[in-house]
Amino acid sequence: MNIKLKLTIAAIMITLMFVACGGDDDTTKPTTNNNPFPFLKVGNEWTYELDNNPNDTVKYKIVSINSNILKIDCNYKNSIFTEYWYANANHWKKSILESGDGGFILLHRNYYVGQKWDINYSGMKTGEVISVSETVTVPAGTFANCIKVQIAIFDNWSGDYYYNYWIDKNIGIILSEEGSLIEKLKSKNF
């Protein structure tokens, strides 16, 4: 076989390889997996540094799960308050109500860039997946391929502003910016 034919065949093979592999990079299609929120288990605990101050931390620990409602103990300066999350096969929602009602969907199981949903809770209007390929560096390390979710908030005085969350699909929230409150993952126990 002559060299020109070998180079042509090699070029065709490389082109086919890129075309075949390129389909996996389409971030506009929904993701699928059997356990969309594997980090939502009793006993899992996250510690976050607040507002860039390593001495100011808050700990979240899942203490129980009952009918898809997760009871979360939040420990801040030795004061414990309770928060509730709701998770099913379709989405993960944050709520302050024990029933899981109210609150807002933080992430859908089949997330994709550009996905939007209505919230209508406490001034929140919509949620949107902005990116699925963010790299975030926090005290716990650097995390690649984080999902960036943006929640639009309406304020009569100042107009719209946003809460931003960077979520690792296996760990949970890595970084959150809720107005002036910034929480950066410092450690986790699972």
C-alpha atoms as a PDB file:
ATOM      1  CA  MET A   1       0.000   0.000   0.000  1.00  0.00           C
ATOM      2  CA  ASN A   2       1.449   3.355  -0.949  1.00  0.00           C
ATOM      3  CA  ILE A   3       1.999   6.163   1.549  1.00  0.00           C
ATOM      4  CA  LYS A   4      -0.689   8.422   0.035  1.00  0.00           C
ATOM      5  CA  LEU A   5      -3.359   5.736   0.457  1.00  0.00           C
ATOM      6  CA  LYS A   6      -2.228   5.038   4.056  1.00  0.00           C
ATOM      7  CA  LEU A   7      -2.476   8.750   4.938  1.00  0.00           C
ATOM      8  CA  THR A   8      -5.919   9.004   3.356  1.00  0.00           C
ATOM      9  CA  ILE A   9      -7.171   5.984   5.316  1.00  0.00           C
ATOM     10  CA  ALA A  10      -5.643   7.375   8.541  1.00  0.00           C
ATOM     11  CA  ALA A  11      -7.312  10.772   7.968  1.00  0.00           C
ATOM     12  CA  ILE A  12     -10.682   9.101   7.384  1.00  0.00           C
ATOM     13  CA  MET A  13     -10.295   6.984  10.548  1.00  0.00           C
ATOM     14  CA  ILE A  14      -9.376  10.019  12.689  1.00  0.00           C
ATOM     15  CA  THR A  15     -12.295  12.006  11.259  1.00  0.00           C
ATOM     16  CA  LEU A  16     -14.710   9.141  11.999  1.00  0.00           C
ATOM     17  CA  MET A  17     -13.339   8.853  15.537  1.00  0.00           C
ATOM     18  CA  PHE A  18     -13.954  12.574  16.224  1.00  0.00           C
ATOM     19  CA  VAL A  19     -17.418  12.462  14.688  1.00  0.00           C
ATOM     20  CA  ALA A  20     -18.354   9.337  16.684  1.00  0.00           C
ATOM     21  CA  CYS A  21     -17.024  10.706  19.972  1.00  0.00           C
ATOM     22  CA  GLY A  22     -18.300  14.217  19.440  1.00  0.00           C
ATOM     23  CA  GLY A  23     -21.909  13.183  20.075  1.00  0.00           C
ATOM     24  CA  ASP A  24     -21.110  12.615  23.770  1.00  0.00           C
ATOM     25  CA  ASP A  25     -20.244  16.282  24.260  1.00  0.00           C
ATOM     26  CA  ASP A  26     -23.735  17.599  23.469  1.00  0.00           C
ATOM     27  CA  THR A  27     -24.665  19.251  26.761  1.00  0.00           C
ATOM     28  CA  THR A  28     -28.104  20.257  25.535  1.00  0.00           C
ATOM     29  CA  LYS A  29     -29.464  16.722  25.867  1.00  0.00           C
ATOM     30  CA  PRO A  30     -30.736  15.433  29.205  1.00  0.00           C
ATOM     31  CA  THR A  31     -28.431  13.297  31.315  1.00  0.00           C
ATOM     32  CA  THR A  32     -29.668   9.977  32.595  1.00  0.00           C
ATOM     33  CA  ASN A  33     -28.564   7.762  35.434  1.00  0.00           C
ATOM     34  CA  ASN A  34     -30.261   5.407  37.863  1.00  0.00           C
ATOM     35  CA  ASN A  35     -29.531   7.423  41.013  1.00  0.00           C
ATOM     36  CA  PRO A  36     -29.657  11.094  40.102  1.00  0.00           C
ATOM     37  CA  PHE A  37     -28.722  12.337  43.594  1.00  0.00           C
ATOM     38  CA  PRO A  38     -26.387   9.706  45.114  1.00  0.00           C
ATOM     39  CA  PHE A  39     -25.132  12.145  47.760  1.00  0.00           C
ATOM     40  CA  LEU A  40     -28.557  12.392  49.451  1.00  0.00           C
ATOM     41  CA  LYS A  41     -28.047   9.682  52.094  1.00  0.00           C
ATOM     42  CA  VAL A  42     -28.551   9.629  55.857  1.00  0.00           C
ATOM     43  CA  GLY A  43     -25.326  10.491  57.654  1.00  0.00           C
ATOM     44  CA  ASN A  44     -23.778  12.502  54.843  1.00  0.00           C
ATOM     45  CA  GLU A  45     -22.367  15.782  56.094  1.00  0.00           C
ATOM     46  CA  TRP A  46     -20.969  18.880  54.388  1.00  0.00           C
ATOM     47  CA  THR A  47     -19.014  21.720  55.997  1.00  0.00           C
ATOM     48  CA  TYR A  48     -18.979  25.081  54.241  1.00  0.00           C
ATOM     49  CA  GLU A  49     -16.786  28.118  54.754  1.00  0.00           C
ATOM     50  CA  LEU A  50     -18.858  31.285  54.841  1.00  0.00           C
ATOM     51  CA  ASP A  51     -17.995  34.529  53.078  1.00  0.00           C
ATOM     52  CA  ASN A  52     -14.312  33.660  52.525  1.00  0.00           C
ATOM     53  CA  ASN A  53     -13.700  33.309  56.276  1.00  0.00           C
ATOM     54  CA  PRO A  54     -12.165  29.892  57.108  1.00  0.00           C
ATOM     55  CA  ASN A  55     -13.148  30.287  60.783  1.00  0.00           C
ATOM     56  CA  ASP A  56     -16.820  30.884  60.021  1.00  0.00           C
ATOM     57  CA  THR A  57     -18.426  27.590  58.987  1.00  0.00           C
ATOM     58  CA  VAL A  58     -21.798  25.903  58.775  1.00  0.00           C
ATOM     59  CA  LYS A  59     -22.374  22.123  58.759  1.00  0.00           C
ATOM     60  CA  TYR A  60     -25.271  20.367  57.057  1.00  0.00           C
ATOM     61  CA  LYS A  61     -26.019  16.753  57.985  1.00  0.00           C
ATOM     62  CA  ILE A  62     -28.789  14.487  56.670  1.00  0.00           C
ATOM     63  CA  VAL A  63     -30.321  12.984  59.820  1.00  0.00           C
ATOM     64  CA  SER A  64     -33.328  11.156  58.370  1.00  0.00           C
ATOM     65  CA  ILE A  65     -35.284  10.417  55.221  1.00  0.00           C
ATOM     66  CA  ASN A  66     -39.028   9.796  55.318  1.00  0.00           C
ATOM     67  CA  SER A  67     -41.157   9.585  52.149  1.00  0.00           C
ATOM     68  CA  ASN A  68     -38.519  11.347  50.035  1.00  0.00           C
ATOM     69  CA  ILE A  69     -38.237  14.182  52.598  1.00  0.00           C
ATOM     70  CA  LEU A  70     -34.755  14.625  53.999  1.00  0.00           C
ATOM     71  CA  LYS A  71     -34.373  16.237  57.412  1.00  0.00           C
ATOM     72  CA  ILE A  72     -31.193  18.296  57.525  1.00  0.00           C
ATOM     73  CA  ASP A  73     -29.564  19.547  60.725  1.00  0.00           C
ATOM     74  CA  CYS A  74     -27.669  22.775  60.123  1.00  0.00           C
ATOM     75  CA  ASN A  75     -25.090  23.651  62.755  1.00  0.00           C
ATOM     76  CA  TYR A  76     -23.913  27.241  62.811  1.00  0.00           C
ATOM     77  CA  LYS A  77     -21.956  28.542  65.813  1.00  0.00           C
ATOM     78  CA  ASN A  78     -23.274  25.666  67.950  1.00  0.00           C
ATOM     79  CA  SER A  79     -26.889  26.537  67.157  1.00  0.00           C
ATOM     80  CA  ILE A  80     -28.787  23.852  65.287  1.00  0.00           C
ATOM     81  CA  PHE A  81     -31.699  24.634  63.007  1.00  0.00           C
ATOM     82  CA  THR A  82     -33.588  22.293  60.705  1.00  0.00           C
ATOM     83  CA  GLU A  83     -34.019  22.451  56.972  1.00  0.00           C
ATOM     84  CA  TYR A  84     -35.842  20.005  54.714  1.00  0.00           C
ATOM     85  CA  TRP A  85     -34.979  18.806  51.242  1.00  0.00           C
ATOM     86  CA  TYR A  86     -37.232  16.774  48.997  1.00  0.00           C
ATOM     87  CA  ALA A  87     -35.849  14.373  46.414  1.00  0.00           C
ATOM     88  CA  ASN A  88     -37.513  11.925  44.098  1.00  0.00           C
ATOM     89  CA  ALA A  89     -36.650  10.386  40.734  1.00  0.00           C
ATOM     90  CA  ASN A  90     -37.391  13.708  38.993  1.00  0.00           C
ATOM     91  CA  HIS A  91     -35.834  16.512  41.043  1.00  0.00           C
ATOM     92  CA  TRP A  92     -34.119  17.765  44.205  1.00  0.00           C
ATOM     93  CA  LYS A  93     -35.890  20.574  46.048  1.00  0.00           C
ATOM     94  CA  LYS A  94     -34.945  22.754  49.033  1.00  0.00           C
ATOM     95  CA  SER A  95     -37.686  23.662  51.502  1.00  0.00           C
ATOM     96  CA  ILE A  96     -38.001  24.923  55.053  1.00  0.00           C
ATOM     97  CA  LEU A  97     -41.260  23.025  55.537  1.00  0.00           C
ATOM     98  CA  GLU A  98     -41.323  19.522  57.015  1.00  0.00           C
ATOM     99  CA  SER A  99     -43.941  18.497  54.448  1.00  0.00           C
ATOM    100  CA  GLY A 100     -41.519  19.297  51.625  1.00  0.00           C
ATOM    101  CA  ASP A 101     -44.082  21.739  50.209  1.00  0.00           C
ATOM    102  CA  GLY A 102     -43.020  25.165  49.052  1.00  0.00           C
ATOM    103  CA  GLY A 103     -39.346  25.751  48.533  1.00  0.00           C
ATOM    104  CA  PHE A 104     -37.726  25.555  45.141  1.00  0.00           C
ATOM    105  CA  ILE A 105     -36.393  22.945  42.772  1.00  0.00           C
ATOM    106  CA  LEU A 106     -32.630  23.131  42.804  1.00  0.00           C
ATOM    107  CA  LEU A 107     -31.928  20.519  40.135  1.00  0.00           C
ATOM    108  CA  HIS A 108     -33.870  18.178  37.863  1.00  0.00           C
ATOM    109  CA  ARG A 109     -32.772  14.607  37.273  1.00  0.00           C
ATOM    110  CA  ASN A 110     -32.563  15.107  33.519  1.00  0.00           C
ATOM    111  CA  TYR A 111     -30.761  18.429  33.547  1.00  0.00           C
ATOM    112  CA  TYR A 112     -29.413  20.127  30.424  1.00  0.00           C
ATOM    113  CA  VAL A 113     -28.022  23.529  29.498  1.00  0.00           C
ATOM    114  CA  GLY A 114     -30.825  26.016  28.940  1.00  0.00           C
ATOM    115  CA  GLN A 115     -33.389  24.043  30.940  1.00  0.00           C
ATOM    116  CA  LYS A 116     -35.754  26.449  32.772  1.00  0.00           C
ATOM    117  CA  TRP A 117     -38.485  25.947  35.347  1.00  0.00           C
ATOM    118  CA  ASP A 118     -40.938  28.179  37.181  1.00  0.00           C
ATOM    119  CA  ILE A 119     -40.533  28.563  40.927  1.00  0.00           C
ATOM    120  CA  ASN A 120     -43.010  31.128  42.294  1.00  0.00           C
ATOM    121  CA  TYR A 121     -41.705  30.870  45.870  1.00  0.00           C
ATOM    122  CA  SER A 122     -40.710  33.730  48.140  1.00  0.00           C
ATOM    123  CA  GLY A 123     -39.857  36.162  45.340  1.00  0.00           C
ATOM    124  CA  MET A 124     -38.126  33.492  43.260  1.00  0.00           C
ATOM    125  CA  LYS A 125     -39.270  33.398  39.667  1.00  0.00           C
ATOM    126  CA  THR A 126     -37.352  30.851  37.636  1.00  0.00           C
ATOM    127  CA  GLY A 127     -34.513  28.377  37.777  1.00  0.00           C
ATOM    128  CA  GLU A 128     -32.172  27.679  34.890  1.00  0.00           C
ATOM    129  CA  VAL A 129     -29.242  25.380  34.156  1.00  0.00           C
ATOM    130  CA  ILE A 130     -26.549  27.750  32.873  1.00  0.00           C
ATOM    131  CA  SER A 131     -23.705  25.259  32.360  1.00  0.00           C
ATOM    132  CA  VAL A 132     -22.745  21.633  32.981  1.00  0.00           C
ATOM    133  CA  SER A 133     -19.003  22.086  32.584  1.00  0.00           C
ATOM    134  CA  GLU A 134     -17.946  24.608  35.248  1.00  0.00           C
ATOM    135  CA  THR A 135     -14.661  24.147  37.108  1.00  0.00           C
ATOM    136  CA  VAL A 136     -14.871  25.421  40.681  1.00  0.00           C
ATOM    137  CA  THR A 137     -12.083  25.772  43.240  1.00  0.00           C
ATOM    138  CA  VAL A 138     -13.084  25.883  46.914  1.00  0.00           C
ATOM    139  CA  PRO A 139     -11.254  24.976  50.157  1.00  0.00           C
ATOM    140  CA  ALA A 140     -12.214  21.288  49.634  1.00  0.00           C
ATOM    141  CA  GLY A 141     -10.422  21.233  46.252  1.00  0.00           C
ATOM    142  CA  THR A 142     -11.065  21.768  42.568  1.00  0.00           C
ATOM    143  CA  PHE A 143     -14.156  20.204  41.022  1.00  0.00           C
ATOM    144  CA  ALA A 144     -14.639  19.873  37.261  1.00  0.00           C
ATOM    145  CA  ASN A 145     -17.881  19.508  35.288  1.00  0.00           C
ATOM    146  CA  CYS A 146     -20.038  21.217  37.909  1.00  0.00           C
ATOM    147  CA  ILE A 147     -23.607  22.125  37.022  1.00  0.00           C
ATOM    148  CA  LYS A 148     -24.314  25.833  37.400  1.00  0.00           C
ATOM    149  CA  VAL A 149     -27.918  26.576  38.365  1.00  0.00           C
ATOM    150  CA  GLN A 150     -29.167  30.146  38.506  1.00  0.00           C
ATOM    151  CA  ILE A 151     -32.306  31.148  40.406  1.00  0.00           C
ATOM    152  CA  ALA A 152     -33.861  34.481  39.379  1.00  0.00           C
ATOM    153  CA  ILE A 153     -35.217  36.546  42.261  1.00  0.00           C
ATOM    154  CA  PHE A 154     -37.554  39.510  41.833  1.00  0.00           C
ATOM    155  CA  ASP A 155     -37.250  42.465  44.186  1.00  0.00           C
ATOM    156  CA  ASN A 156     -39.688  45.377  43.942  1.00  0.00           C
ATOM    157  CA  TRP A 157     -36.968  47.829  44.972  1.00  0.00           C
ATOM    158  CA  SER A 158     -33.893  46.691  43.106  1.00  0.00           C
ATOM    159  CA  GLY A 159     -35.274  44.553  40.268  1.00  0.00           C
ATOM    160  CA  ASP A 160     -34.045  41.083  39.422  1.00  0.00           C
ATOM    161  CA  TYR A 161     -30.968  39.490  40.940  1.00  0.00           C
ATOM    162  CA  TYR A 162     -29.749  35.893  41.055  1.00  0.00           C
ATOM    163  CA  TYR A 163     -28.770  33.082  43.398  1.00  0.00           C
ATOM    164  CA  ASN A 164     -26.101  30.826  41.873  1.00  0.00           C
ATOM    165  CA  TYR A 165     -25.306  27.230  42.778  1.00  0.00           C
ATOM    166  CA  TRP A 166     -22.487  25.031  41.486  1.00  0.00           C
ATOM    167  CA  ILE A 167     -23.375  21.384  41.982  1.00  0.00           C
ATOM    168  CA  ASP A 168     -21.257  18.263  41.570  1.00  0.00           C
ATOM    169  CA  LYS A 169     -23.575  15.416  40.566  1.00  0.00           C
ATOM    170  CA  ASN A 170     -21.890  13.037  43.057  1.00  0.00           C
ATOM    171  CA  ILE A 171     -21.245  15.400  45.976  1.00  0.00           C
ATOM    172  CA  GLY A 172     -23.934  18.082  45.975  1.00  0.00           C
ATOM    173  CA  ILE A 173     -23.475  21.831  46.309  1.00  0.00           C
ATOM    174  CA  ILE A 174     -19.838  22.871  45.939  1.00  0.00           C
ATOM    175  CA  LEU A 175     -20.391  26.618  45.968  1.00  0.00           C
ATOM    176  CA  SER A 176     -23.437  28.812  46.506  1.00  0.00           C
ATOM    177  CA  GLU A 177     -23.934  32.537  46.202  1.00  0.00           C
ATOM    178  CA  GLU A 178     -27.224  33.623  47.742  1.00  0.00           C
ATOM    179  CA  GLY A 179     -27.021  37.387  47.530  1.00  0.00           C
ATOM    180  CA  SER A 180     -24.163  38.408  49.795  1.00  0.00           C
ATOM    181  CA  LEU A 181     -23.982  34.974  51.489  1.00  0.00           C
ATOM    182  CA  ILE A 182     -21.275  32.803  49.938  1.00  0.00           C
ATOM    183  CA  GLU A 183     -20.824  29.175  51.014  1.00  0.00           C
ATOM    184  CA  LYS A 184     -17.770  27.244  49.783  1.00  0.00           C
ATOM    185  CA  LEU A 185     -17.403  23.519  50.427  1.00  0.00           C
ATOM    186  CA  LYS A 186     -14.661  23.027  53.011  1.00  0.00           C
ATOM    187  CA  SER A 187     -15.069  19.279  53.632  1.00  0.00           C
ATOM    188  CA  LYS A 188     -17.473  16.351  53.397  1.00  0.00           C
ATOM    189  CA  ASN A 189     -17.617  13.044  55.277  1.00  0.00           C
ATOM    190  CA  PHE A 190     -18.643  10.576  52.552  1.00  0.00           C
END
